[in-house]
């Protein structure tokens, strides 16, 4: 996996220090507990299908706003009450990538999902989580085009 931008690389290094599945699960649960849903001034239900993450079992949505200083701010919604992994990843992506320029976000490697969750997720869930990363990348590329 390539070097990841900003805080994301640091977060991945920290997670790598916890090879034990139980410890890692606790850390990921703490990220999920910190999940903040998209504020109503950004989006309200029903959310636009254009913001829905394809293939995500947890019905995740993502938005990106270009800030005046040229960085992105990400917002997420996870509709499934059991979408703990999606909430954890959304929190990680927001904390690590919000505040970065679009060109940095566009080069995030979708394989971070495996680095974060290891073998603790099913193939279907892994596909949905990778799709969340790909959706963030796509929004960054869209911001680059203006």
N, C-alpha and C. Protein backbone atom coordinates (compact mmCIF):
# COMPACT_ATOMS: atom_id res chain seq x y z
N UNK A 1 0.85 -1.18 0.00
CA UNK A 1 0.00 0.00 0.00
C UNK A 1 0.89 1.24 0.00
N UNK A 2 0.47 2.25 -0.73
CA UNK A 2 1.25 3.48 -0.83
C UNK A 2 1.14 4.30 0.46
N UNK A 3 2.01 5.28 0.60
CA UNK A 3 1.96 6.18 1.75
C UNK A 3 0.66 6.97 1.68
N UNK A 4 -0.01 7.07 2.81
CA UNK A 4 -1.29 7.77 2.85
C UNK A 4 -1.10 9.20 3.34
N UNK A 5 -1.93 10.13 2.86
CA UNK A 5 -1.75 11.54 3.20
C UNK A 5 -2.17 11.90 4.62
N UNK A 6 -1.55 12.95 5.13
CA UNK A 6 -1.97 13.58 6.38
C UNK A 6 -2.07 12.64 7.56
N UNK A 7 -3.12 12.86 8.33
CA UNK A 7 -3.35 12.09 9.55
C UNK A 7 -3.66 10.63 9.26
N UNK A 8 -4.08 10.32 8.05
CA UNK A 8 -4.46 8.95 7.73
C UNK A 8 -3.29 8.00 7.91
N UNK A 9 -2.12 8.37 7.42
CA UNK A 9 -0.94 7.53 7.60
C UNK A 9 -0.64 7.30 9.06
N UNK A 10 -0.75 8.34 9.88
CA UNK A 10 -0.52 8.21 11.32
C UNK A 10 -1.54 7.28 11.96
N UNK A 11 -2.80 7.41 11.57
CA UNK A 11 -3.85 6.56 12.13
C UNK A 11 -3.61 5.10 11.77
N UNK A 12 -3.20 4.85 10.53
CA UNK A 12 -2.93 3.47 10.11
C UNK A 12 -1.75 2.89 10.87
N UNK A 13 -0.72 3.69 11.11
CA UNK A 13 0.42 3.22 11.90
C UNK A 13 0.00 2.88 13.32
N UNK A 14 -0.84 3.70 13.90
CA UNK A 14 -1.33 3.44 15.26
C UNK A 14 -2.15 2.16 15.30
N UNK A 15 -3.05 1.98 14.34
CA UNK A 15 -3.86 0.76 14.30
C UNK A 15 -3.00 -0.48 14.10
N UNK A 16 -1.93 -0.35 13.35
CA UNK A 16 -1.04 -1.50 13.11
C UNK A 16 -0.37 -1.97 14.40
N UNK A 17 -0.31 -1.12 15.40
CA UNK A 17 0.29 -1.50 16.68
C UNK A 17 -0.63 -2.40 17.49
N UNK A 18 -1.85 -2.64 17.00
CA UNK A 18 -2.81 -3.47 17.71
C UNK A 18 -3.21 -4.66 16.85
N UNK A 19 -2.35 -5.68 16.78
CA UNK A 19 -2.67 -6.84 15.95
C UNK A 19 -3.77 -7.72 16.55
N UNK A 20 -3.99 -7.61 17.86
CA UNK A 20 -5.01 -8.42 18.52
C UNK A 20 -6.40 -7.98 18.06
N UNK A 21 -7.20 -8.94 17.59
CA UNK A 21 -8.51 -8.63 17.02
C UNK A 21 -9.44 -7.96 18.03
N UNK A 22 -9.38 -8.38 19.29
CA UNK A 22 -10.26 -7.81 20.31
C UNK A 22 -9.89 -6.35 20.59
N UNK A 23 -8.60 -6.08 20.72
CA UNK A 23 -8.16 -4.70 20.95
C UNK A 23 -8.53 -3.80 19.77
N UNK A 24 -8.30 -4.31 18.58
CA UNK A 24 -8.60 -3.53 17.37
C UNK A 24 -10.11 -3.26 17.30
N UNK A 25 -10.92 -4.26 17.62
CA UNK A 25 -12.37 -4.08 17.60
C UNK A 25 -12.79 -2.99 18.58
N UNK A 26 -12.17 -2.96 19.74
CA UNK A 26 -12.49 -1.92 20.73
C UNK A 26 -12.13 -0.53 20.21
N UNK A 27 -10.99 -0.43 19.56
CA UNK A 27 -10.58 0.86 18.99
C UNK A 27 -11.56 1.30 17.91
N UNK A 28 -11.95 0.36 17.05
CA UNK A 28 -12.89 0.69 15.98
C UNK A 28 -14.26 1.07 16.54
N UNK A 29 -14.67 0.39 17.61
CA UNK A 29 -15.94 0.76 18.27
C UNK A 29 -15.87 2.18 18.82
N UNK A 30 -14.70 2.55 19.34
CA UNK A 30 -14.57 3.92 19.86
C UNK A 30 -14.68 4.94 18.72
N UNK A 31 -14.16 4.60 17.55
CA UNK A 31 -14.34 5.49 16.39
C UNK A 31 -15.83 5.57 16.02
N UNK A 32 -16.51 4.43 16.01
CA UNK A 32 -17.94 4.42 15.67
C UNK A 32 -18.74 5.26 16.66
N UNK A 33 -18.36 5.21 17.94
CA UNK A 33 -19.06 6.00 18.96
C UNK A 33 -18.89 7.50 18.74
N UNK A 34 -17.82 7.90 18.05
CA UNK A 34 -17.55 9.31 17.78
C UNK A 34 -18.20 9.80 16.48
N UNK A 35 -18.91 8.91 15.80
CA UNK A 35 -19.54 9.26 14.52
C UNK A 35 -20.49 10.43 14.70
N UNK A 36 -20.36 11.42 13.82
CA UNK A 36 -21.26 12.57 13.80
C UNK A 36 -21.96 12.59 12.45
N UNK A 37 -23.28 12.53 12.50
CA UNK A 37 -24.04 12.51 11.26
C UNK A 37 -24.03 13.87 10.57
N UNK A 38 -24.20 13.82 9.27
CA UNK A 38 -24.25 15.03 8.44
C UNK A 38 -25.23 16.03 9.07
N UNK A 39 -24.82 17.28 9.23
CA UNK A 39 -25.72 18.28 9.82
C UNK A 39 -26.82 18.67 8.83
N UNK A 40 -27.97 19.10 9.34
CA UNK A 40 -29.09 19.44 8.47
C UNK A 40 -28.80 20.57 7.49
N UNK A 41 -27.84 21.44 7.80
CA UNK A 41 -27.53 22.51 6.85
C UNK A 41 -26.78 21.99 5.62
N UNK A 42 -26.28 20.73 5.70
CA UNK A 42 -25.61 20.10 4.56
C UNK A 42 -26.58 19.21 3.79
N UNK A 43 -27.34 18.40 4.52
CA UNK A 43 -28.29 17.48 3.87
C UNK A 43 -29.34 17.02 4.88
N UNK A 44 -30.55 16.78 4.36
CA UNK A 44 -31.63 16.25 5.19
C UNK A 44 -32.25 15.05 4.49
N UNK A 45 -32.92 14.22 5.28
CA UNK A 45 -33.59 13.05 4.72
C UNK A 45 -34.82 13.51 3.93
N UNK A 46 -35.17 12.82 2.90
CA UNK A 46 -34.43 11.70 2.30
C UNK A 46 -33.19 12.22 1.56
N UNK A 47 -32.08 11.54 1.78
CA UNK A 47 -30.82 11.96 1.16
C UNK A 47 -30.84 11.66 -0.33
N UNK A 48 -30.17 12.49 -1.08
CA UNK A 48 -30.10 12.32 -2.53
C UNK A 48 -29.35 11.04 -2.88
N UNK A 49 -29.89 10.31 -3.83
CA UNK A 49 -29.27 9.06 -4.26
C UNK A 49 -27.85 9.30 -4.79
N UNK A 50 -27.59 10.48 -5.32
CA UNK A 50 -26.26 10.80 -5.85
C UNK A 50 -25.19 10.74 -4.77
N UNK A 51 -25.59 10.89 -3.50
CA UNK A 51 -24.63 10.85 -2.39
C UNK A 51 -24.53 9.48 -1.73
N UNK A 52 -25.36 8.53 -2.19
CA UNK A 52 -25.33 7.19 -1.59
C UNK A 52 -24.11 6.42 -2.07
N UNK A 53 -23.49 5.73 -1.14
CA UNK A 53 -22.33 4.90 -1.46
C UNK A 53 -22.83 3.60 -2.07
N UNK A 54 -22.46 3.30 -3.32
CA UNK A 54 -22.92 2.05 -3.94
C UNK A 54 -22.33 0.84 -3.21
N UNK A 55 -23.09 -0.23 -3.19
CA UNK A 55 -22.65 -1.51 -2.64
C UNK A 55 -22.44 -1.51 -1.13
N UNK A 56 -22.87 -0.45 -0.44
CA UNK A 56 -22.69 -0.40 1.01
C UNK A 56 -23.95 -0.91 1.70
N UNK A 57 -23.82 -2.02 2.42
CA UNK A 57 -24.95 -2.64 3.11
C UNK A 57 -25.54 -1.73 4.19
N UNK A 58 -24.76 -0.80 4.68
CA UNK A 58 -25.19 0.08 5.78
C UNK A 58 -25.87 1.35 5.29
N UNK A 59 -26.10 1.44 3.99
CA UNK A 59 -26.73 2.62 3.39
C UNK A 59 -26.00 3.90 3.80
N UNK A 60 -24.73 3.96 3.47
CA UNK A 60 -23.92 5.14 3.79
C UNK A 60 -24.05 6.18 2.68
N UNK A 61 -23.92 7.43 3.09
CA UNK A 61 -23.94 8.58 2.18
C UNK A 61 -22.74 9.44 2.50
N UNK A 62 -22.22 10.13 1.49
CA UNK A 62 -21.07 11.00 1.71
C UNK A 62 -21.21 12.29 0.90
N UNK A 63 -20.77 13.40 1.51
CA UNK A 63 -20.75 14.71 0.89
C UNK A 63 -19.38 15.31 1.12
N UNK A 64 -18.96 16.16 0.20
CA UNK A 64 -17.70 16.90 0.36
C UNK A 64 -17.95 18.35 0.00
N UNK A 65 -17.50 19.23 0.85
CA UNK A 65 -17.61 20.67 0.57
C UNK A 65 -16.21 21.25 0.47
N UNK A 66 -16.00 21.97 -0.62
CA UNK A 66 -14.73 22.66 -0.81
C UNK A 66 -14.72 23.91 0.07
N UNK A 67 -13.72 24.01 0.91
CA UNK A 67 -13.60 25.13 1.85
C UNK A 67 -12.89 26.31 1.16
N UNK A 68 -13.07 27.52 1.68
CA UNK A 68 -12.44 28.70 1.06
C UNK A 68 -10.92 28.58 0.90
N UNK A 69 -10.27 27.86 1.82
CA UNK A 69 -8.81 27.71 1.73
C UNK A 69 -8.38 26.61 0.77
N UNK A 70 -9.35 26.00 0.07
CA UNK A 70 -9.03 24.99 -0.94
C UNK A 70 -8.94 23.58 -0.42
N UNK A 71 -9.39 23.35 0.81
CA UNK A 71 -9.41 21.99 1.36
C UNK A 71 -10.84 21.46 1.34
N UNK A 72 -10.98 20.17 1.63
CA UNK A 72 -12.30 19.54 1.65
C UNK A 72 -12.76 19.28 3.07
N UNK A 73 -14.06 19.34 3.28
CA UNK A 73 -14.69 18.91 4.52
C UNK A 73 -15.68 17.83 4.15
N UNK A 74 -15.55 16.65 4.79
CA UNK A 74 -16.42 15.52 4.49
C UNK A 74 -17.50 15.38 5.53
N UNK A 75 -18.66 14.93 5.06
CA UNK A 75 -19.81 14.66 5.92
C UNK A 75 -20.35 13.29 5.53
N UNK A 76 -20.87 12.57 6.52
CA UNK A 76 -21.36 11.21 6.27
C UNK A 76 -22.70 11.00 6.97
N UNK A 77 -23.47 10.07 6.42
CA UNK A 77 -24.66 9.54 7.08
C UNK A 77 -24.60 8.03 6.90
N UNK A 78 -25.02 7.31 7.93
CA UNK A 78 -25.10 5.85 7.88
C UNK A 78 -26.49 5.50 8.38
N UNK A 79 -27.33 5.01 7.49
CA UNK A 79 -28.74 4.79 7.81
C UNK A 79 -28.99 3.52 8.61
N UNK A 80 -28.18 2.51 8.45
CA UNK A 80 -28.40 1.24 9.16
C UNK A 80 -27.95 1.36 10.61
N UNK A 81 -28.85 1.03 11.55
CA UNK A 81 -28.46 1.06 12.96
C UNK A 81 -27.31 0.09 13.28
N UNK A 82 -27.17 -0.94 12.47
CA UNK A 82 -26.10 -1.91 12.70
C UNK A 82 -24.84 -1.59 11.89
N UNK A 83 -24.77 -0.41 11.32
CA UNK A 83 -23.63 -0.02 10.48
C UNK A 83 -22.43 0.48 11.27
N UNK A 84 -22.01 -0.29 12.25
CA UNK A 84 -20.91 0.12 13.13
C UNK A 84 -19.61 0.28 12.36
N UNK A 85 -19.30 -0.65 11.48
CA UNK A 85 -18.05 -0.55 10.70
C UNK A 85 -18.08 0.66 9.78
N UNK A 86 -19.23 0.93 9.17
CA UNK A 86 -19.35 2.10 8.29
C UNK A 86 -19.20 3.38 9.10
N UNK A 87 -19.76 3.42 10.30
CA UNK A 87 -19.61 4.60 11.16
C UNK A 87 -18.16 4.79 11.58
N UNK A 88 -17.48 3.69 11.91
CA UNK A 88 -16.07 3.78 12.29
C UNK A 88 -15.24 4.32 11.13
N UNK A 89 -15.46 3.77 9.93
CA UNK A 89 -14.70 4.23 8.77
C UNK A 89 -15.03 5.68 8.44
N UNK A 90 -16.30 6.05 8.53
CA UNK A 90 -16.69 7.44 8.26
C UNK A 90 -15.97 8.40 9.21
N UNK A 91 -15.89 8.02 10.48
CA UNK A 91 -15.20 8.86 11.47
C UNK A 91 -13.71 8.97 11.13
N UNK A 92 -13.10 7.85 10.79
CA UNK A 92 -11.68 7.84 10.42
C UNK A 92 -11.44 8.72 9.20
N UNK A 93 -12.28 8.55 8.17
CA UNK A 93 -12.11 9.34 6.95
C UNK A 93 -12.30 10.83 7.21
N UNK A 94 -13.31 11.16 8.01
CA UNK A 94 -13.54 12.57 8.32
C UNK A 94 -12.37 13.16 9.09
N UNK A 95 -11.95 12.47 10.16
CA UNK A 95 -10.85 12.99 10.98
C UNK A 95 -9.54 13.09 10.20
N UNK A 96 -9.31 12.13 9.32
CA UNK A 96 -8.02 12.07 8.62
C UNK A 96 -7.97 12.89 7.34
N UNK A 97 -9.10 13.03 6.66
CA UNK A 97 -9.07 13.65 5.33
C UNK A 97 -9.69 15.04 5.25
N UNK A 98 -10.61 15.35 6.15
CA UNK A 98 -11.15 16.71 6.16
C UNK A 98 -10.01 17.66 6.49
N UNK A 99 -9.92 18.73 5.73
CA UNK A 99 -8.84 19.69 5.91
C UNK A 99 -7.68 19.50 4.94
N UNK A 100 -7.76 18.44 4.13
CA UNK A 100 -6.72 18.20 3.12
C UNK A 100 -7.18 18.73 1.77
N UNK A 101 -6.24 19.08 0.90
CA UNK A 101 -6.61 19.50 -0.46
C UNK A 101 -7.12 18.30 -1.27
N UNK A 102 -7.98 18.55 -2.24
CA UNK A 102 -8.55 17.46 -3.04
C UNK A 102 -7.51 16.54 -3.66
N UNK A 103 -6.38 17.09 -4.12
CA UNK A 103 -5.38 16.23 -4.77
C UNK A 103 -4.80 15.20 -3.81
N UNK A 104 -4.70 15.52 -2.51
CA UNK A 104 -4.22 14.54 -1.53
C UNK A 104 -5.27 13.47 -1.29
N UNK A 105 -6.53 13.89 -1.16
CA UNK A 105 -7.61 12.94 -0.91
C UNK A 105 -7.80 12.00 -2.10
N UNK A 106 -7.64 12.51 -3.30
CA UNK A 106 -7.84 11.70 -4.51
C UNK A 106 -6.86 10.54 -4.60
N UNK A 107 -5.72 10.64 -3.93
CA UNK A 107 -4.74 9.55 -4.02
C UNK A 107 -4.78 8.56 -2.85
N UNK A 108 -5.80 8.66 -2.01
CA UNK A 108 -5.95 7.69 -0.93
C UNK A 108 -6.20 6.31 -1.53
N UNK A 109 -5.52 5.33 -1.00
CA UNK A 109 -5.62 3.95 -1.49
C UNK A 109 -6.80 3.26 -0.82
N UNK A 110 -7.71 2.69 -1.62
CA UNK A 110 -8.88 2.00 -1.07
C UNK A 110 -8.49 0.78 -0.24
N UNK A 111 -7.25 0.34 -0.35
CA UNK A 111 -6.80 -0.80 0.46
C UNK A 111 -6.64 -0.45 1.93
N UNK A 112 -6.88 0.82 2.28
CA UNK A 112 -6.84 1.16 3.70
C UNK A 112 -7.89 0.37 4.48
N UNK A 113 -8.96 -0.05 3.80
CA UNK A 113 -10.00 -0.83 4.47
C UNK A 113 -9.40 -2.10 5.07
N UNK A 114 -8.57 -2.80 4.30
CA UNK A 114 -7.93 -4.01 4.82
C UNK A 114 -6.97 -3.67 5.95
N UNK A 115 -6.26 -2.55 5.83
CA UNK A 115 -5.32 -2.15 6.87
C UNK A 115 -6.05 -1.79 8.17
N UNK A 116 -7.24 -1.25 8.05
CA UNK A 116 -8.01 -0.85 9.23
C UNK A 116 -8.73 -2.03 9.86
N UNK A 117 -9.44 -2.80 9.05
CA UNK A 117 -10.32 -3.84 9.59
C UNK A 117 -9.71 -5.23 9.59
N UNK A 118 -8.61 -5.40 8.89
CA UNK A 118 -7.94 -6.70 8.75
C UNK A 118 -8.93 -7.73 8.23
N UNK A 119 -8.86 -8.94 8.78
CA UNK A 119 -9.72 -10.02 8.30
C UNK A 119 -11.03 -10.09 9.07
N UNK A 120 -11.36 -9.04 9.82
CA UNK A 120 -12.52 -9.07 10.69
C UNK A 120 -13.83 -8.66 10.01
N UNK A 121 -13.83 -8.60 8.68
CA UNK A 121 -15.05 -8.23 7.97
C UNK A 121 -15.32 -9.22 6.85
N UNK A 122 -16.60 -9.35 6.52
CA UNK A 122 -17.00 -10.24 5.43
C UNK A 122 -16.65 -9.59 4.09
N UNK A 123 -16.69 -10.39 3.04
CA UNK A 123 -16.39 -9.87 1.71
C UNK A 123 -17.38 -8.77 1.32
N UNK A 124 -18.66 -8.99 1.61
CA UNK A 124 -19.68 -8.00 1.27
C UNK A 124 -19.49 -6.69 2.01
N UNK A 125 -19.20 -6.79 3.31
CA UNK A 125 -18.97 -5.58 4.09
C UNK A 125 -17.71 -4.88 3.62
N UNK A 126 -16.68 -5.65 3.31
CA UNK A 126 -15.43 -5.08 2.81
C UNK A 126 -15.65 -4.32 1.52
N UNK A 127 -16.49 -4.87 0.64
CA UNK A 127 -16.80 -4.21 -0.63
C UNK A 127 -17.49 -2.87 -0.38
N UNK A 128 -18.43 -2.85 0.54
CA UNK A 128 -19.13 -1.61 0.86
C UNK A 128 -18.21 -0.56 1.47
N UNK A 129 -17.30 -1.00 2.35
CA UNK A 129 -16.37 -0.07 2.97
C UNK A 129 -15.37 0.48 1.96
N UNK A 130 -14.91 -0.39 1.06
CA UNK A 130 -14.03 0.09 -0.03
C UNK A 130 -14.77 1.10 -0.89
N UNK A 131 -16.06 0.86 -1.11
CA UNK A 131 -16.87 1.80 -1.89
C UNK A 131 -16.97 3.16 -1.21
N UNK A 132 -16.95 3.18 0.13
CA UNK A 132 -16.94 4.46 0.84
C UNK A 132 -15.67 5.24 0.51
N UNK A 133 -14.54 4.54 0.52
CA UNK A 133 -13.26 5.20 0.19
C UNK A 133 -13.28 5.67 -1.26
N UNK A 134 -13.79 4.84 -2.16
CA UNK A 134 -13.87 5.22 -3.57
C UNK A 134 -14.79 6.42 -3.78
N UNK A 135 -15.87 6.50 -2.99
CA UNK A 135 -16.78 7.64 -3.09
C UNK A 135 -16.09 8.93 -2.64
N UNK A 136 -15.29 8.84 -1.59
CA UNK A 136 -14.52 9.99 -1.11
C UNK A 136 -13.52 10.43 -2.19
N UNK A 137 -12.85 9.45 -2.79
CA UNK A 137 -11.90 9.75 -3.89
C UNK A 137 -12.62 10.46 -5.04
N UNK A 138 -13.78 9.95 -5.41
CA UNK A 138 -14.54 10.52 -6.53
C UNK A 138 -14.94 11.96 -6.24
N UNK A 139 -15.35 12.24 -5.01
CA UNK A 139 -15.72 13.61 -4.65
C UNK A 139 -14.50 14.53 -4.70
N UNK A 140 -13.35 14.01 -4.31
CA UNK A 140 -12.12 14.81 -4.38
C UNK A 140 -11.76 15.11 -5.84
N UNK A 141 -11.89 14.11 -6.71
CA UNK A 141 -11.59 14.32 -8.13
C UNK A 141 -12.57 15.32 -8.74
N UNK A 142 -13.82 15.23 -8.33
CA UNK A 142 -14.84 16.16 -8.81
C UNK A 142 -14.49 17.59 -8.37
N UNK A 143 -14.01 17.75 -7.15
CA UNK A 143 -13.61 19.07 -6.65
C UNK A 143 -12.43 19.62 -7.44
N UNK A 144 -11.54 18.73 -7.88
CA UNK A 144 -10.39 19.16 -8.67
C UNK A 144 -10.81 19.71 -10.03
N UNK A 145 -11.89 19.14 -10.58
CA UNK A 145 -12.38 19.58 -11.88
C UNK A 145 -13.12 20.92 -11.79
N UNK A 146 -13.55 21.22 -10.54
CA UNK A 146 -14.27 22.50 -10.34
C UNK A 146 -15.69 22.33 -10.61
